Structures are given as C-alpha cells and as structure tokens.
Amino acid sequence: MSKTSQENKVKKAKVAQEVQDKKLERKADVVDTTVETPEATSEVNNEVEATSEEATTESKARVAKVRGKKYLAAKKKVDVNKNYPLSEAIKLVKETSFAKFEGKIEAHITATETGTLGEIAFPHLDLGAKKIAILNDTVLKEIKAGEISFDILIATPATMPKLLPFAKLLGPKGLMPNPKNGTLTDDPEASQKKLSVAKTQIKTEKKAPVVHLVVAKVSQDEKEIKANVEELISVIGNTKIKKMTLSATMGPGVKVLIEK
C-alpha cells in the first residue's frame, strides 16, 4: 500500500470517529432532556396545585358566613316559606330584632323593572332633615375651600356659571344644581321650601330590579310602620312588586304578602 493511500485511510477513520462522537453527544442531550423535563413539570404541577388549593381554601373562608346564636334563635321564629300579611310581618320583625341600639326596619323589594320607581314622603319617618343651601358669595367661598356643609344646593341660571369650575367636586356628589330636580331655578326660595319636605326617591340598583330602603325605626308603633310600608307599596304599585321582605338592622328577613 502506498504512503498516500495510508494517509487517506487514516483521515477517513478520523472523520468517521468525529461523526460518531457528535452522534453520541446529541443522544446524550436528548436523554438528559427526557430525564429532566418530567421532574421539572412535576414540580411545577405540584406548585400550581398547592397554590390552587390555598386559593380555594381562602375563597371558602371568605364566602362562609358565620351566624351568631342570637340570629339563629331569631330566625327559628320565622317560616322562610311563608309570606306573612303585613301586620303579622311587622310584628315579627320587631320581635326578632336583637340589636342593642336603635335599629331600623328596611324593605327589600324585587321589582318588575329597573330605574326610578317613584318618590315618597313617609308619613311617619324622620331620618334627619337635609340642609339646603342657596348659592351666594359665602357658600361659594366655602366650596372653593373644599368645604361642603349642605345636602342640596340651589342656584339660579345667573349664578350657575360660578359653579362650573367646581363641577368635578360637586358632580360626583350629586350636588350640581339641575332644573329636573328643582335645584336650578329662577325662584330659589320657593324651591327651597318645596325641597324641605322629606322626600326619598325610590331607585333600584343599576343592573338589577332590586330596592333597599329604610321604612321605619324598630321602636316605632306598629301602626306607624304599617302606614309607611303601605305608602311605599302604593307609590311603587303592587303590580310592580314581585317580592318584598322586611328586616330589622339586626334580624332575619320576613317575607310580606303583596295582594295584587
């Protein structure tokens, strides 16, 4: 065999060995990957499951509502499947109230529609008179200082431009004068007298036909409470009321029979 042939043979053997070495390296990489991946995946899955279990436990803890002994004792007096005549419902609400303070009676209504269902002046309910202010230099000075000492603000078309710089302050609070509710008028004194009568708008929640409204105090006479609730039913209209429940501030709900 010539010298050249021997050299070529050696070169071929060397190249073949290099190719074989690279194949072995690739195979080792693949083996390492297949070994490590399941372990890593398992660790991630375990962490995810643990986090999920913790979140579920925390969520259940938040949702779970623990009722006290007084509430549970009061609830036993109420038949949850019964709609009580109004007089009986009021009597039961007073009996099942266990608040140590001056509690209120609330009406919870499911209506047939959403929006404003009317405006009511309860014959026997005083939840505190609202302070009504007519815009003048003194009131304007207080507004500039960020002091809001009124519940209703009345202005005239001539003075209204003075309030425009404070729209972002008064608007979100519902205090910007408006001709629709009588607070923007040419006769502010007459409007003040009219608005001084305690009236409450009956509004549902924005996305649900549900109303929550204080109708009396627990300490009131049953006849007065009944008159207030009857006025509420009359203003809304019994055909627009699907369900009504009365409850004390601290006490179970009592379903009321609404006669159609």
C-alpha atoms as a PDB file:
ATOM      1  CA  MET A   1       0.000   0.000   0.000  1.00  0.00           C
ATOM      2  CA  SER A   2       1.386   3.397  -0.941  1.00  0.00           C
ATOM      3  CA  LYS A   3       2.045   6.153   1.565  1.00  0.00           C
ATOM      4  CA  THR A   4      -0.735   8.293   0.098  1.00  0.00           C
ATOM      5  CA  SER A   5      -3.317   5.529   0.459  1.00  0.00           C
ATOM      6  CA  GLN A   6      -2.381   5.015   4.092  1.00  0.00           C
ATOM      7  CA  GLU A   7      -2.764   8.717   4.828  1.00  0.00           C
ATOM      8  CA  ASN A   8      -6.213   8.807   3.200  1.00  0.00           C
ATOM      9  CA  LYS A   9      -7.291   5.809   5.210  1.00  0.00           C
ATOM     10  CA  VAL A  10      -6.209   7.464   8.460  1.00  0.00           C
ATOM     11  CA  LYS A  11      -8.101  10.666   7.528  1.00  0.00           C
ATOM     12  CA  LYS A  12     -11.288   8.728   6.784  1.00  0.00           C
ATOM     13  CA  ALA A  13     -11.063   6.905  10.102  1.00  0.00           C
ATOM     14  CA  LYS A  14     -10.578  10.202  11.926  1.00  0.00           C
ATOM     15  CA  VAL A  15     -13.586  11.787  10.230  1.00  0.00           C
ATOM     16  CA  ALA A  16     -15.723   8.727  10.962  1.00  0.00           C
ATOM     17  CA  GLN A  17     -14.738   8.917  14.654  1.00  0.00           C
ATOM     18  CA  GLU A  18     -15.668  12.614  14.820  1.00  0.00           C
ATOM     19  CA  VAL A  19     -19.093  11.890  13.293  1.00  0.00           C
ATOM     20  CA  GLN A  20     -19.678   9.090  15.789  1.00  0.00           C
ATOM     21  CA  ASP A  21     -18.664  11.343  18.708  1.00  0.00           C
ATOM     22  CA  LYS A  22     -21.166  14.034  17.622  1.00  0.00           C
ATOM     23  CA  LYS A  23     -23.930  11.431  17.365  1.00  0.00           C
ATOM     24  CA  LEU A  24     -23.188  10.284  20.901  1.00  0.00           C
ATOM     25  CA  GLU A  25     -23.245  13.887  22.177  1.00  0.00           C
ATOM     26  CA  ARG A  26     -26.656  14.520  20.570  1.00  0.00           C
ATOM     27  CA  LYS A  27     -28.037  11.321  22.047  1.00  0.00           C
ATOM     28  CA  ALA A  28     -26.784  12.310  25.486  1.00  0.00           C
ATOM     29  CA  ASP A  29     -28.505  15.710  25.186  1.00  0.00           C
ATOM     30  CA  VAL A  30     -31.769  14.050  24.248  1.00  0.00           C
ATOM     31  CA  VAL A  31     -31.513  11.621  27.156  1.00  0.00           C
ATOM     32  CA  ASP A  32     -30.794  14.480  29.583  1.00  0.00           C
ATOM     33  CA  THR A  33     -33.798  16.419  28.306  1.00  0.00           C
ATOM     34  CA  THR A  34     -36.196  13.495  28.582  1.00  0.00           C
ATOM     35  CA  VAL A  35     -34.977  12.807  32.101  1.00  0.00           C
ATOM     36  CA  GLU A  36     -35.139  16.394  33.408  1.00  0.00           C
ATOM     37  CA  THR A  37     -38.400  17.526  31.809  1.00  0.00           C
ATOM     38  CA  PRO A  38     -40.844  15.231  33.692  1.00  0.00           C
ATOM     39  CA  GLU A  39     -39.244  16.179  37.018  1.00  0.00           C
ATOM     40  CA  ALA A  40     -39.483  19.899  36.244  1.00  0.00           C
ATOM     41  CA  THR A  41     -43.034  19.504  35.019  1.00  0.00           C
ATOM     42  CA  SER A  42     -43.949  17.560  38.143  1.00  0.00           C
ATOM     43  CA  GLU A  43     -42.516  20.276  40.389  1.00  0.00           C
ATOM     44  CA  VAL A  44     -44.439  22.989  38.536  1.00  0.00           C
ATOM     45  CA  ASN A  45     -47.669  20.982  38.680  1.00  0.00           C
ATOM     46  CA  ASN A  46     -47.216  20.443  42.414  1.00  0.00           C
ATOM     47  CA  GLU A  47     -46.705  24.167  42.966  1.00  0.00           C
ATOM     48  CA  VAL A  48     -49.765  25.030  40.863  1.00  0.00           C
ATOM     49  CA  GLU A  49     -51.915  22.501  42.718  1.00  0.00           C
ATOM     50  CA  ALA A  50     -50.720  23.779  46.092  1.00  0.00           C
ATOM     51  CA  THR A  51     -51.439  27.388  45.096  1.00  0.00           C
ATOM     52  CA  SER A  52     -54.852  26.380  43.757  1.00  0.00           C
ATOM     53  CA  GLU A  53     -55.718  24.578  46.986  1.00  0.00           C
ATOM     54  CA  GLU A  54     -54.642  27.576  49.070  1.00  0.00           C
ATOM     55  CA  ALA A  55     -56.721  29.945  46.900  1.00  0.00           C
ATOM     56  CA  THR A  56     -59.760  27.674  47.140  1.00  0.00           C
ATOM     57  CA  THR A  57     -59.419  27.401  50.924  1.00  0.00           C
ATOM     58  CA  GLU A  58     -59.042  31.171  51.253  1.00  0.00           C
ATOM     59  CA  SER A  59     -62.039  31.748  48.976  1.00  0.00           C
ATOM     60  CA  LYS A  60     -64.209  29.386  51.018  1.00  0.00           C
ATOM     61  CA  ALA A  61     -63.126  31.132  54.201  1.00  0.00           C
ATOM     62  CA  ARG A  62     -64.242  34.468  52.763  1.00  0.00           C
ATOM     63  CA  VAL A  63     -67.575  33.126  51.471  1.00  0.00           C
ATOM     64  CA  ALA A  64     -68.502  31.209  54.583  1.00  0.00           C
ATOM     65  CA  LYS A  65     -70.691  33.420  56.788  1.00  0.00           C
ATOM     66  CA  VAL A  66     -70.898  32.534  60.436  1.00  0.00           C
ATOM     67  CA  ARG A  67     -74.197  33.434  62.122  1.00  0.00           C
ATOM     68  CA  GLY A  68     -74.376  34.168  65.824  1.00  0.00           C
ATOM     69  CA  LYS A  69     -76.592  32.419  68.360  1.00  0.00           C
ATOM     70  CA  LYS A  70     -78.945  35.396  68.640  1.00  0.00           C
ATOM     71  CA  TYR A  71     -79.534  35.495  64.893  1.00  0.00           C
ATOM     72  CA  LEU A  72     -80.110  31.749  64.672  1.00  0.00           C
ATOM     73  CA  ALA A  73     -82.544  31.896  67.594  1.00  0.00           C
ATOM     74  CA  ALA A  74     -84.445  34.769  65.947  1.00  0.00           C
ATOM     75  CA  LYS A  75     -84.547  33.003  62.591  1.00  0.00           C
ATOM     76  CA  LYS A  76     -86.257  29.970  64.134  1.00  0.00           C
ATOM     77  CA  LYS A  77     -89.318  32.160  64.756  1.00  0.00           C
ATOM     78  CA  VAL A  78     -89.686  32.870  61.031  1.00  0.00           C
ATOM     79  CA  ASP A  79     -91.135  30.482  58.459  1.00  0.00           C
ATOM     80  CA  VAL A  80     -88.931  31.111  55.406  1.00  0.00           C
ATOM     81  CA  ASN A  81     -91.517  29.522  53.113  1.00  0.00           C
ATOM     82  CA  LYS A  82     -94.383  31.764  54.216  1.00  0.00           C
ATOM     83  CA  ASN A  83     -95.475  35.195  53.000  1.00  0.00           C
ATOM     84  CA  TYR A  84     -96.900  36.970  56.040  1.00  0.00           C
ATOM     85  CA  PRO A  85     -99.715  39.543  55.961  1.00  0.00           C
ATOM     86  CA  LEU A  86     -98.222  42.991  56.535  1.00  0.00           C
ATOM     87  CA  SER A  87     -99.400  43.396  60.144  1.00  0.00           C
ATOM     88  CA  GLU A  88     -98.010  39.967  61.110  1.00  0.00           C
ATOM     89  CA  ALA A  89     -94.736  40.620  59.279  1.00  0.00           C
ATOM     90  CA  ILE A  90     -94.195  43.914  61.123  1.00  0.00           C
ATOM     91  CA  LYS A  91     -94.907  42.312  64.483  1.00  0.00           C
ATOM     92  CA  LEU A  92     -92.466  39.503  63.708  1.00  0.00           C
ATOM     93  CA  VAL A  93     -89.739  41.900  62.561  1.00  0.00           C
ATOM     94  CA  LYS A  94     -89.983  43.792  65.870  1.00  0.00           C
ATOM     95  CA  GLU A  95     -89.908  40.536  67.872  1.00  0.00           C
ATOM     96  CA  THR A  96     -86.865  39.153  66.056  1.00  0.00           C
ATOM     97  CA  SER A  97     -84.756  42.325  66.244  1.00  0.00           C
ATOM     98  CA  PHE A  98     -81.879  41.674  68.653  1.00  0.00           C
ATOM     99  CA  ALA A  99     -79.908  44.926  68.290  1.00  0.00           C
ATOM    100  CA  LYS A 100     -78.864  46.673  71.491  1.00  0.00           C
ATOM    101  CA  PHE A 101     -79.063  50.050  69.709  1.00  0.00           C
ATOM    102  CA  GLU A 102     -81.891  51.910  67.954  1.00  0.00           C
ATOM    103  CA  GLY A 103     -82.315  49.723  64.901  1.00  0.00           C
ATOM    104  CA  LYS A 104     -84.134  50.478  61.677  1.00  0.00           C
ATOM    105  CA  ILE A 105     -86.536  48.462  59.559  1.00  0.00           C
ATOM    106  CA  GLU A 106     -85.606  48.008  55.918  1.00  0.00           C
ATOM    107  CA  ALA A 107     -87.710  46.948  52.948  1.00  0.00           C
ATOM    108  CA  HIS A 108     -86.006  44.784  50.336  1.00  0.00           C
ATOM    109  CA  ILE A 109     -88.019  44.695  47.119  1.00  0.00           C
ATOM    110  CA  THR A 110     -87.668  42.804  43.856  1.00  0.00           C
ATOM    111  CA  ALA A 111     -89.471  44.861  41.214  1.00  0.00           C
ATOM    112  CA  THR A 112     -90.559  44.164  37.656  1.00  0.00           C
ATOM    113  CA  GLU A 113     -88.309  46.882  36.226  1.00  0.00           C
ATOM    114  CA  THR A 114     -85.149  48.876  36.925  1.00  0.00           C
ATOM    115  CA  GLY A 115     -84.748  52.609  37.385  1.00  0.00           C
ATOM    116  CA  THR A 116     -86.623  55.186  39.448  1.00  0.00           C
ATOM    117  CA  LEU A 117     -89.927  53.764  40.672  1.00  0.00           C
ATOM    118  CA  GLY A 118     -91.252  56.930  42.276  1.00  0.00           C
ATOM    119  CA  GLU A 119     -90.761  59.475  45.023  1.00  0.00           C
ATOM    120  CA  ILE A 120     -92.083  59.028  48.536  1.00  0.00           C
ATOM    121  CA  ALA A 121     -92.650  61.112  51.658  1.00  0.00           C
ATOM    122  CA  PHE A 122     -93.176  58.642  54.511  1.00  0.00           C
ATOM    123  CA  PRO A 123     -95.967  59.745  56.854  1.00  0.00           C
ATOM    124  CA  HIS A 124     -94.086  58.555  59.962  1.00  0.00           C
ATOM    125  CA  LEU A 125     -90.368  58.684  59.311  1.00  0.00           C
ATOM    126  CA  ASP A 126     -87.777  61.324  60.111  1.00  0.00           C
ATOM    127  CA  LEU A 127     -84.252  60.228  59.272  1.00  0.00           C
ATOM    128  CA  GLY A 128     -82.836  63.715  59.690  1.00  0.00           C
ATOM    129  CA  ALA A 129     -83.620  66.897  57.787  1.00  0.00           C
ATOM    130  CA  LYS A 130     -81.391  67.723  54.832  1.00  0.00           C
ATOM    131  CA  LYS A 131     -79.528  71.025  54.818  1.00  0.00           C
ATOM    132  CA  ILE A 132     -80.438  73.103  51.779  1.00  0.00           C
ATOM    133  CA  ALA A 133     -78.231  75.991  50.653  1.00  0.00           C
ATOM    134  CA  ILE A 134     -78.885  78.720  48.105  1.00  0.00           C
ATOM    135  CA  LEU A 135     -75.757  79.742  46.215  1.00  0.00           C
ATOM    136  CA  ASN A 136     -74.324  83.085  47.353  1.00  0.00           C
ATOM    137  CA  ASP A 137     -70.854  84.537  47.951  1.00  0.00           C
ATOM    138  CA  THR A 138     -70.500  82.841  51.354  1.00  0.00           C
ATOM    139  CA  VAL A 139     -71.469  79.405  50.044  1.00  0.00           C
ATOM    140  CA  LEU A 140     -69.226  79.869  47.001  1.00  0.00           C
ATOM    141  CA  LYS A 141     -66.293  80.716  49.266  1.00  0.00           C
ATOM    142  CA  GLU A 142     -66.859  77.501  51.250  1.00  0.00           C
ATOM    143  CA  ILE A 143     -66.978  75.450  48.045  1.00  0.00           C
ATOM    144  CA  LYS A 144     -63.682  76.999  46.884  1.00  0.00           C
ATOM    145  CA  ALA A 145     -62.147  75.938  50.195  1.00  0.00           C
ATOM    146  CA  GLY A 146     -63.439  72.396  49.653  1.00  0.00           C
ATOM    147  CA  GLU A 147     -65.982  72.666  52.474  1.00  0.00           C
ATOM    148  CA  ILE A 148     -69.344  71.037  51.726  1.00  0.00           C
ATOM    149  CA  SER A 149     -71.799  71.846  54.526  1.00  0.00           C
ATOM    150  CA  PHE A 150     -75.046  71.194  52.647  1.00  0.00           C
ATOM    151  CA  ASP A 151     -77.011  68.241  51.283  1.00  0.00           C
ATOM    152  CA  ILE A 152     -78.777  70.160  48.484  1.00  0.00           C
ATOM    153  CA  LEU A 153     -77.504  73.206  46.577  1.00  0.00           C
ATOM    154  CA  ILE A 154     -79.856  75.587  44.757  1.00  0.00           C
ATOM    155  CA  ALA A 155     -78.679  78.075  42.148  1.00  0.00           C
ATOM    156  CA  THR A 156     -80.210  80.433  39.591  1.00  0.00           C
ATOM    157  CA  PRO A 157     -79.338  80.470  35.870  1.00  0.00           C
ATOM    158  CA  ALA A 158     -77.462  83.734  36.509  1.00  0.00           C
ATOM    159  CA  THR A 159     -75.236  82.287  39.284  1.00  0.00           C
ATOM    160  CA  MET A 160     -74.779  78.836  37.755  1.00  0.00           C
ATOM    161  CA  PRO A 161     -71.645  79.800  35.716  1.00  0.00           C
ATOM    162  CA  LYS A 162     -69.818  80.421  39.012  1.00  0.00           C
ATOM    163  CA  LEU A 163     -70.173  76.705  39.844  1.00  0.00           C
ATOM    164  CA  LEU A 164     -68.822  75.335  36.566  1.00  0.00           C
ATOM    165  CA  PRO A 165     -65.165  75.348  37.784  1.00  0.00           C
ATOM    166  CA  PHE A 166     -66.263  73.075  40.646  1.00  0.00           C
ATOM    167  CA  ALA A 167     -68.169  70.537  38.570  1.00  0.00           C
ATOM    168  CA  LYS A 168     -65.622  67.792  39.314  1.00  0.00           C
ATOM    169  CA  LEU A 169     -66.080  68.376  43.039  1.00  0.00           C
ATOM    170  CA  LEU A 170     -69.867  68.716  43.146  1.00  0.00           C
ATOM    171  CA  GLY A 171     -70.845  66.437  40.258  1.00  0.00           C
ATOM    172  CA  PRO A 172     -69.760  63.077  41.759  1.00  0.00           C
ATOM    173  CA  LYS A 173     -71.580  64.008  44.978  1.00  0.00           C
ATOM    174  CA  GLY A 174     -74.802  64.754  43.090  1.00  0.00           C
ATOM    175  CA  LEU A 175     -74.739  68.379  44.244  1.00  0.00           C
ATOM    176  CA  MET A 176     -74.668  70.222  40.918  1.00  0.00           C
ATOM    177  CA  PRO A 177     -77.941  72.191  40.520  1.00  0.00           C
ATOM    178  CA  ASN A 178     -80.272  70.732  37.906  1.00  0.00           C
ATOM    179  CA  PRO A 179     -83.603  72.011  36.553  1.00  0.00           C
ATOM    180  CA  LYS A 180     -85.018  68.464  36.565  1.00  0.00           C
ATOM    181  CA  ASN A 181     -84.908  68.181  40.353  1.00  0.00           C
ATOM    182  CA  GLY A 182     -85.773  71.819  41.006  1.00  0.00           C
ATOM    183  CA  THR A 183     -82.334  72.953  42.179  1.00  0.00           C
ATOM    184  CA  LEU A 184     -81.692  75.243  39.189  1.00  0.00           C
ATOM    185  CA  THR A 185     -84.490  77.790  39.200  1.00  0.00           C
ATOM    186  CA  ASP A 186     -85.378  81.479  38.972  1.00  0.00           C
ATOM    187  CA  ASP A 187     -87.162  81.235  42.328  1.00  0.00           C
ATOM    188  CA  PRO A 188     -84.667  79.591  44.731  1.00  0.00           C
ATOM    189  CA  GLU A 189     -86.675  80.455  47.881  1.00  0.00           C
ATOM    190  CA  ALA A 190     -89.775  78.663  46.596  1.00  0.00           C
ATOM    191  CA  SER A 191     -87.649  75.697  45.556  1.00  0.00           C
ATOM    192  CA  GLN A 192     -86.015  75.583  48.988  1.00  0.00           C
ATOM    193  CA  LYS A 193     -89.410  75.440  50.674  1.00  0.00           C
ATOM    194  CA  LYS A 194     -90.573  72.657  48.360  1.00  0.00           C
ATOM    195  CA  LEU A 195     -87.408  70.588  48.787  1.00  0.00           C
ATOM    196  CA  SER A 196     -87.510  70.935  52.579  1.00  0.00           C
ATOM    197  CA  VAL A 197     -90.296  68.330  52.637  1.00  0.00           C
ATOM    198  CA  ALA A 198     -88.642  64.985  53.390  1.00  0.00           C
ATOM    199  CA  LYS A 199     -88.933  63.012  50.173  1.00  0.00           C
ATOM    200  CA  THR A 200     -86.970  59.990  49.048  1.00  0.00           C
ATOM    201  CA  GLN A 201     -86.519  58.699  45.529  1.00  0.00           C
ATOM    202  CA  ILE A 202     -87.224  55.008  45.150  1.00  0.00           C
ATOM    203  CA  LYS A 203     -84.453  53.679  42.921  1.00  0.00           C
ATOM    204  CA  THR A 204     -83.418  50.173  42.013  1.00  0.00           C
ATOM    205  CA  GLU A 205     -79.833  49.058  41.644  1.00  0.00           C
ATOM    206  CA  LYS A 206     -78.361  49.946  38.254  1.00  0.00           C
ATOM    207  CA  LYS A 207     -78.124  46.384  36.943  1.00  0.00           C
ATOM    208  CA  ALA A 208     -80.875  44.695  38.940  1.00  0.00           C
ATOM    209  CA  PRO A 209     -84.534  45.483  39.734  1.00  0.00           C
ATOM    210  CA  VAL A 210     -83.836  45.451  43.479  1.00  0.00           C
ATOM    211  CA  VAL A 211     -84.643  48.182  46.023  1.00  0.00           C
ATOM    212  CA  HIS A 212     -83.252  48.528  49.558  1.00  0.00           C
ATOM    213  CA  LEU A 213     -84.950  51.260  51.595  1.00  0.00           C
ATOM    214  CA  VAL A 214     -85.314  52.221  55.257  1.00  0.00           C
ATOM    215  CA  VAL A 215     -89.029  52.451  56.035  1.00  0.00           C
ATOM    216  CA  ALA A 216     -89.151  52.892  59.830  1.00  0.00           C
ATOM    217  CA  LYS A 217     -87.433  52.516  63.175  1.00  0.00           C
ATOM    218  CA  VAL A 218     -87.878  49.350  65.216  1.00  0.00           C
ATOM    219  CA  SER A 219     -89.069  51.384  68.202  1.00  0.00           C
ATOM    220  CA  GLN A 220     -91.962  52.932  66.268  1.00  0.00           C
ATOM    221  CA  ASP A 221     -95.577  51.953  66.815  1.00  0.00           C
ATOM    222  CA  GLU A 222     -96.748  49.105  64.584  1.00  0.00           C
ATOM    223  CA  LYS A 223     -99.497  51.287  63.105  1.00  0.00           C
ATOM    224  CA  GLU A 224     -96.950  53.909  62.024  1.00  0.00           C
ATOM    225  CA  ILE A 225     -94.679  51.266  60.470  1.00  0.00           C
ATOM    226  CA  LYS A 226     -97.633  49.782  58.631  1.00  0.00           C
ATOM    227  CA  ALA A 227     -98.655  53.193  57.285  1.00  0.00           C
ATOM    228  CA  ASN A 228     -95.119  53.765  55.964  1.00  0.00           C
ATOM    229  CA  VAL A 229     -94.944  50.384  54.221  1.00  0.00           C
ATOM    230  CA  GLU A 230     -98.422  50.788  52.755  1.00  0.00           C
ATOM    231  CA  GLU A 231     -97.391  54.171  51.359  1.00  0.00           C
ATOM    232  CA  LEU A 232     -94.308  52.563  49.798  1.00  0.00           C
ATOM    233  CA  ILE A 233     -96.410  49.833  48.168  1.00  0.00           C
ATOM    234  CA  SER A 234     -98.880  52.444  46.921  1.00  0.00           C
ATOM    235  CA  VAL A 235     -96.175  54.623  45.334  1.00  0.00           C
ATOM    236  CA  ILE A 236     -94.442  51.727  43.562  1.00  0.00           C
ATOM    237  CA  GLY A 237     -97.658  49.889  42.737  1.00  0.00           C
ATOM    238  CA  ASN A 238     -98.362  46.392  43.990  1.00  0.00           C
ATOM    239  CA  THR A 239     -98.340  45.003  40.432  1.00  0.00           C
ATOM    240  CA  LYS A 240     -94.719  46.118  40.060  1.00  0.00           C
ATOM    241  CA  ILE A 241     -93.592  44.318  43.205  1.00  0.00           C
ATOM    242  CA  LYS A 242     -92.571  40.685  42.757  1.00  0.00           C
ATOM    243  CA  LYS A 243     -91.253  40.148  46.275  1.00  0.00           C
ATOM    244  CA  MET A 244     -90.938  42.175  49.467  1.00  0.00           C
ATOM    245  CA  THR A 245     -89.015  41.321  52.605  1.00  0.00           C
ATOM    246  CA  LEU A 246     -88.854  43.332  55.809  1.00  0.00           C
ATOM    247  CA  SER A 247     -85.958  43.046  58.222  1.00  0.00           C
ATOM    248  CA  ALA A 248     -84.529  44.855  61.211  1.00  0.00           C
ATOM    249  CA  THR A 249     -80.977  46.182  61.146  1.00  0.00           C
ATOM    250  CA  MET A 250     -80.037  43.098  63.152  1.00  0.00           C
ATOM    251  CA  GLY A 251     -82.586  40.404  62.486  1.00  0.00           C
ATOM    252  CA  PRO A 252     -83.771  37.878  59.886  1.00  0.00           C
ATOM    253  CA  GLY A 253     -85.859  38.741  56.854  1.00  0.00           C
ATOM    254  CA  VAL A 254     -89.628  38.287  56.896  1.00  0.00           C
ATOM    255  CA  LYS A 255     -91.464  37.858  53.590  1.00  0.00           C
ATOM    256  CA  VAL A 256     -94.524  40.076  53.087  1.00  0.00           C
ATOM    257  CA  LEU A 257     -97.695  39.028  51.299  1.00  0.00           C
ATOM    258  CA  ILE A 258     -98.393  41.515  48.478  1.00  0.00           C
ATOM    259  CA  GLU A 259    -102.026  41.451  47.420  1.00  0.00           C
ATOM    260  CA  LYS A 260    -102.448  42.022  43.689  1.00  0.00           C
END
